[in-house]
Amino acid sequence: MNRAQDDPAELLARENQRTEPWGGSEHGSPCDKCSSQGSTDHRCWSCLLTSPAADCPACAGKVRWHYVCPVCRGSGVVDGKPRQGISTFPRLEGLYHYMLANDADLDDCVTVQLDARGADDLDFDADEGAVLVIPTAVNECLAVDQKLVGRVRERAARLG
């Protein structure tokens, strides 16, 4: 997801391939995501809202699982340092769910489809199905599909 006025080619520059926690970093504080337990439940919203896929880079078809907390990396203390990579989702449904759940303004946004290789780190929101990647090419930019956003909103509400 990008602002429509931003040049998506900027995502290919290494210095722009950094991800930080949504809303800023509380580096060193107790981890809220896992209640300082070091692990948490994960859900791949891309597969939950469509169908499980064995080739899904977020969950490999598991859809729901328990794993290390992506924010504290198992320590119970927030590791809020920026991570190398761009935060992505395997499918638009997962991306739209994430943006809706975080009350993001989708007006004047576009979705950016990338060719990419997996990054060597966990996305801060891997527990929601987010995946860090290193982009190698921009394939296309498309307007936000408002009809799909509506279907995601309805389906997510039914799933809880």
C-alpha atoms as a PDB file:
ATOM      1  CA  MET A   1       0.000   0.000   0.000  1.00  0.00           C
ATOM      2  CA  ASN A   2       1.380   3.365  -1.033  1.00  0.00           C
ATOM      3  CA  ARG A   3       0.061   6.886  -1.259  1.00  0.00           C
ATOM      4  CA  ALA A   4      -0.985   7.509  -4.864  1.00  0.00           C
ATOM      5  CA  GLN A   5       1.385  10.476  -5.203  1.00  0.00           C
ATOM      6  CA  ASP A   6       4.454   8.494  -4.044  1.00  0.00           C
ATOM      7  CA  ASP A   7       6.748   6.960  -6.650  1.00  0.00           C
ATOM      8  CA  PRO A   8       6.617   3.185  -6.038  1.00  0.00           C
ATOM      9  CA  ALA A   9      10.115   2.840  -7.533  1.00  0.00           C
ATOM     10  CA  GLU A  10      11.386   4.405  -4.294  1.00  0.00           C
ATOM     11  CA  LEU A  11      10.637   1.034  -2.656  1.00  0.00           C
ATOM     12  CA  LEU A  12      13.543  -0.429  -4.635  1.00  0.00           C
ATOM     13  CA  ALA A  13      16.122   1.809  -2.937  1.00  0.00           C
ATOM     14  CA  ARG A  14      17.785  -0.005  -0.025  1.00  0.00           C
ATOM     15  CA  GLU A  15      17.510   3.015   2.273  1.00  0.00           C
ATOM     16  CA  ASN A  16      13.709   2.904   1.865  1.00  0.00           C
ATOM     17  CA  GLN A  17      13.428  -0.780   2.714  1.00  0.00           C
ATOM     18  CA  ARG A  18      12.975  -0.383   6.448  1.00  0.00           C
ATOM     19  CA  THR A  19       9.959  -1.309   8.545  1.00  0.00           C
ATOM     20  CA  GLU A  20       9.110   0.052  11.966  1.00  0.00           C
ATOM     21  CA  PRO A  21       6.290  -0.805  14.371  1.00  0.00           C
ATOM     22  CA  TRP A  22       2.903   0.743  13.526  1.00  0.00           C
ATOM     23  CA  GLY A  23       2.538   3.832  15.728  1.00  0.00           C
ATOM     24  CA  GLY A  24       6.200   4.008  16.733  1.00  0.00           C
ATOM     25  CA  SER A  25       8.555   2.034  18.890  1.00  0.00           C
ATOM     26  CA  GLU A  26       8.539   1.374  22.608  1.00  0.00           C
ATOM     27  CA  HIS A  27      11.964  -0.309  22.428  1.00  0.00           C
ATOM     28  CA  GLY A  28      12.870  -1.993  25.719  1.00  0.00           C
ATOM     29  CA  SER A  29       9.396  -1.895  27.279  1.00  0.00           C
ATOM     30  CA  PRO A  30       7.351  -4.982  28.195  1.00  0.00           C
ATOM     31  CA  CYS A  31       5.812  -6.505  25.082  1.00  0.00           C
ATOM     32  CA  ASP A  32       2.065  -5.881  24.818  1.00  0.00           C
ATOM     33  CA  LYS A  33       1.595  -8.175  21.826  1.00  0.00           C
ATOM     34  CA  CYS A  34       2.446 -11.324  23.792  1.00  0.00           C
ATOM     35  CA  SER A  35       1.993  -9.994  27.356  1.00  0.00           C
ATOM     36  CA  SER A  36       5.761 -10.550  27.779  1.00  0.00           C
ATOM     37  CA  GLN A  37       5.312 -14.325  27.304  1.00  0.00           C
ATOM     38  CA  GLY A  38       7.615 -14.483  24.261  1.00  0.00           C
ATOM     39  CA  SER A  39       5.123 -16.258  21.996  1.00  0.00           C
ATOM     40  CA  THR A  40       1.673 -15.510  20.669  1.00  0.00           C
ATOM     41  CA  ASP A  41      -1.099 -16.818  18.462  1.00  0.00           C
ATOM     42  CA  HIS A  42      -0.641 -16.136  14.757  1.00  0.00           C
ATOM     43  CA  ARG A  43      -3.356 -15.864  12.093  1.00  0.00           C
ATOM     44  CA  CYS A  44      -2.762 -15.509   8.387  1.00  0.00           C
ATOM     45  CA  TRP A  45      -5.557 -13.204   7.316  1.00  0.00           C
ATOM     46  CA  SER A  46      -4.668 -13.718   3.654  1.00  0.00           C
ATOM     47  CA  CYS A  47      -5.583 -17.408   3.980  1.00  0.00           C
ATOM     48  CA  LEU A  48      -8.376 -16.921   6.542  1.00  0.00           C
ATOM     49  CA  LEU A  49     -10.226 -14.594   4.194  1.00  0.00           C
ATOM     50  CA  THR A  50      -9.689 -16.704   1.082  1.00  0.00           C
ATOM     51  CA  SER A  51      -8.478 -20.291   1.363  1.00  0.00           C
ATOM     52  CA  PRO A  52      -5.388 -21.946   2.858  1.00  0.00           C
ATOM     53  CA  ALA A  53      -2.479 -22.232   0.438  1.00  0.00           C
ATOM     54  CA  ALA A  54       0.532 -24.493   0.960  1.00  0.00           C
ATOM     55  CA  ASP A  55       2.697 -21.968  -0.907  1.00  0.00           C
ATOM     56  CA  CYS A  56       1.643 -19.021   1.295  1.00  0.00           C
ATOM     57  CA  PRO A  57       4.837 -17.256   2.465  1.00  0.00           C
ATOM     58  CA  ALA A  58       3.174 -16.218   5.728  1.00  0.00           C
ATOM     59  CA  CYS A  59       1.745 -19.525   6.949  1.00  0.00           C
ATOM     60  CA  ALA A  60       2.447 -22.322   4.426  1.00  0.00           C
ATOM     61  CA  GLY A  61      -1.236 -23.242   4.711  1.00  0.00           C
ATOM     62  CA  LYS A  62      -1.349 -23.505   8.522  1.00  0.00           C
ATOM     63  CA  VAL A  63      -3.650 -20.451   8.791  1.00  0.00           C
ATOM     64  CA  ARG A  64      -3.531 -20.441  12.644  1.00  0.00           C
ATOM     65  CA  TRP A  65      -0.557 -21.393  14.818  1.00  0.00           C
ATOM     66  CA  HIS A  66       1.345 -20.444  17.971  1.00  0.00           C
ATOM     67  CA  TYR A  67       4.888 -19.125  17.504  1.00  0.00           C
ATOM     68  CA  VAL A  68       7.496 -16.663  18.720  1.00  0.00           C
ATOM     69  CA  CYS A  69       6.234 -13.110  19.158  1.00  0.00           C
ATOM     70  CA  PRO A  70       7.352 -10.986  16.198  1.00  0.00           C
ATOM     71  CA  VAL A  71       7.688  -7.810  18.272  1.00  0.00           C
ATOM     72  CA  CYS A  72       9.914  -9.067  21.104  1.00  0.00           C
ATOM     73  CA  ARG A  73      11.392 -12.035  19.203  1.00  0.00           C
ATOM     74  CA  GLY A  74      10.710 -14.240  22.229  1.00  0.00           C
ATOM     75  CA  SER A  75      12.362 -12.064  24.887  1.00  0.00           C
ATOM     76  CA  GLY A  76       9.202 -10.523  26.360  1.00  0.00           C
ATOM     77  CA  VAL A  77      10.728  -7.062  25.818  1.00  0.00           C
ATOM     78  CA  VAL A  78       9.922  -4.952  22.739  1.00  0.00           C
ATOM     79  CA  ASP A  79      12.615  -4.988  20.057  1.00  0.00           C
ATOM     80  CA  GLY A  80      11.401  -1.905  18.209  1.00  0.00           C
ATOM     81  CA  LYS A  81      14.504  -1.260  16.147  1.00  0.00           C
ATOM     82  CA  PRO A  82      13.718  -0.827  12.425  1.00  0.00           C
ATOM     83  CA  ARG A  83      13.972  -4.025  10.401  1.00  0.00           C
ATOM     84  CA  GLN A  84      15.311  -4.419   6.883  1.00  0.00           C
ATOM     85  CA  GLY A  85      12.479  -5.040   4.436  1.00  0.00           C
ATOM     86  CA  ILE A  86       9.088  -3.872   3.231  1.00  0.00           C
ATOM     87  CA  SER A  87       5.986  -5.056   5.049  1.00  0.00           C
ATOM     88  CA  THR A  88       3.699  -6.964   2.665  1.00  0.00           C
ATOM     89  CA  PHE A  89       0.864  -9.465   2.589  1.00  0.00           C
ATOM     90  CA  PRO A  90       0.523 -12.502   0.322  1.00  0.00           C
ATOM     91  CA  ARG A  91      -2.958 -11.428  -0.819  1.00  0.00           C
ATOM     92  CA  LEU A  92      -4.931  -8.193  -1.058  1.00  0.00           C
ATOM     93  CA  GLU A  93      -7.473  -9.560   1.406  1.00  0.00           C
ATOM     94  CA  GLY A  94      -4.811  -9.787   4.120  1.00  0.00           C
ATOM     95  CA  LEU A  95      -3.512  -6.293   3.343  1.00  0.00           C
ATOM     96  CA  TYR A  96      -6.982  -4.757   3.353  1.00  0.00           C
ATOM     97  CA  HIS A  97      -7.851  -6.503   6.618  1.00  0.00           C
ATOM     98  CA  TYR A  98      -4.679  -5.187   8.238  1.00  0.00           C
ATOM     99  CA  MET A  99      -5.328  -1.629   7.052  1.00  0.00           C
ATOM    100  CA  LEU A 100      -8.964  -1.733   8.214  1.00  0.00           C
ATOM    101  CA  ALA A 101      -7.993  -3.196  11.606  1.00  0.00           C
ATOM    102  CA  ASN A 102      -5.557  -0.298  12.073  1.00  0.00           C
ATOM    103  CA  ASP A 103      -8.084   2.349  10.970  1.00  0.00           C
ATOM    104  CA  ALA A 104      -5.870   3.373   8.061  1.00  0.00           C
ATOM    105  CA  ASP A 105      -7.206   5.924   5.613  1.00  0.00           C
ATOM    106  CA  LEU A 106      -7.365   4.168   2.242  1.00  0.00           C
ATOM    107  CA  ASP A 107      -8.331   7.307   0.326  1.00  0.00           C
ATOM    108  CA  ASP A 108      -5.705   8.324  -2.213  1.00  0.00           C
ATOM    109  CA  CYS A 109      -3.846   5.022  -1.800  1.00  0.00           C
ATOM    110  CA  VAL A 110      -2.773   2.404  -4.311  1.00  0.00           C
ATOM    111  CA  THR A 111      -1.705  -1.182  -3.889  1.00  0.00           C
ATOM    112  CA  VAL A 112       1.754  -1.989  -5.193  1.00  0.00           C
ATOM    113  CA  GLN A 113       2.487  -5.440  -6.571  1.00  0.00           C
ATOM    114  CA  LEU A 114       6.165  -6.342  -6.202  1.00  0.00           C
ATOM    115  CA  ASP A 115       8.626  -8.970  -7.275  1.00  0.00           C
ATOM    116  CA  ALA A 116      10.631  -9.650  -4.148  1.00  0.00           C
ATOM    117  CA  ARG A 117      12.722 -12.065  -2.182  1.00  0.00           C
ATOM    118  CA  GLY A 118      12.044 -12.884   1.432  1.00  0.00           C
ATOM    119  CA  ALA A 119      13.825 -10.745   4.021  1.00  0.00           C
ATOM    120  CA  ASP A 120      15.907 -12.341   6.759  1.00  0.00           C
ATOM    121  CA  ASP A 121      13.686 -11.064   9.554  1.00  0.00           C
ATOM    122  CA  LEU A 122      10.142 -11.234  10.941  1.00  0.00           C
ATOM    123  CA  ASP A 123       7.656  -8.479  10.246  1.00  0.00           C
ATOM    124  CA  PHE A 124       6.388  -6.755  13.397  1.00  0.00           C
ATOM    125  CA  ASP A 125       2.921  -7.981  12.436  1.00  0.00           C
ATOM    126  CA  ALA A 126       3.820 -11.508  11.334  1.00  0.00           C
ATOM    127  CA  ASP A 127       1.141 -12.689  13.769  1.00  0.00           C
ATOM    128  CA  GLU A 128      -1.418 -11.141  11.378  1.00  0.00           C
ATOM    129  CA  GLY A 129       0.163 -12.656   8.269  1.00  0.00           C
ATOM    130  CA  ALA A 130       2.532  -9.816   7.326  1.00  0.00           C
ATOM    131  CA  VAL A 131       5.771 -10.795   5.586  1.00  0.00           C
ATOM    132  CA  LEU A 132       8.966  -8.781   5.214  1.00  0.00           C
ATOM    133  CA  VAL A 133      10.415  -8.735   1.704  1.00  0.00           C
ATOM    134  CA  ILE A 134      13.208  -7.077  -0.220  1.00  0.00           C
ATOM    135  CA  PRO A 135      11.612  -5.768  -3.437  1.00  0.00           C
ATOM    136  CA  THR A 136      13.428  -6.326  -6.726  1.00  0.00           C
ATOM    137  CA  ALA A 137      10.857  -4.855  -9.137  1.00  0.00           C
ATOM    138  CA  VAL A 138       7.570  -2.986  -9.142  1.00  0.00           C
ATOM    139  CA  ASN A 139       5.036  -4.841 -11.293  1.00  0.00           C
ATOM    140  CA  GLU A 140       2.002  -2.601 -11.091  1.00  0.00           C
ATOM    141  CA  CYS A 141       0.061  -0.135  -8.998  1.00  0.00           C
ATOM    142  CA  LEU A 142      -3.702  -0.428  -8.724  1.00  0.00           C
ATOM    143  CA  ALA A 143      -6.384   1.689  -7.097  1.00  0.00           C
ATOM    144  CA  VAL A 144      -7.780   0.289  -3.864  1.00  0.00           C
ATOM    145  CA  ASP A 145     -10.599  -2.095  -4.739  1.00  0.00           C
ATOM    146  CA  GLN A 146     -13.413  -0.687  -2.601  1.00  0.00           C
ATOM    147  CA  LYS A 147     -15.726  -3.616  -3.368  1.00  0.00           C
ATOM    148  CA  LEU A 148     -13.089  -6.057  -2.125  1.00  0.00           C
ATOM    149  CA  VAL A 149     -12.511  -3.849   0.936  1.00  0.00           C
ATOM    150  CA  GLY A 150     -16.234  -4.152   1.694  1.00  0.00           C
ATOM    151  CA  ARG A 151     -16.180  -7.936   1.293  1.00  0.00           C
ATOM    152  CA  VAL A 152     -13.107  -8.164   3.555  1.00  0.00           C
ATOM    153  CA  ARG A 153     -14.829  -6.030   6.193  1.00  0.00           C
ATOM    154  CA  GLU A 154     -17.928  -8.272   6.112  1.00  0.00           C
ATOM    155  CA  ARG A 155     -16.026 -11.570   6.108  1.00  0.00           C
ATOM    156  CA  ALA A 156     -13.634 -10.464   8.885  1.00  0.00           C
ATOM    157  CA  ALA A 157     -16.605  -9.442  11.027  1.00  0.00           C
ATOM    158  CA  ARG A 158     -18.088 -12.936  10.645  1.00  0.00           C
ATOM    159  CA  LEU A 159     -14.748 -14.561  11.523  1.00  0.00           C
ATOM    160  CA  GLY A 160     -14.265 -12.388  14.597  1.00  0.00           C
END
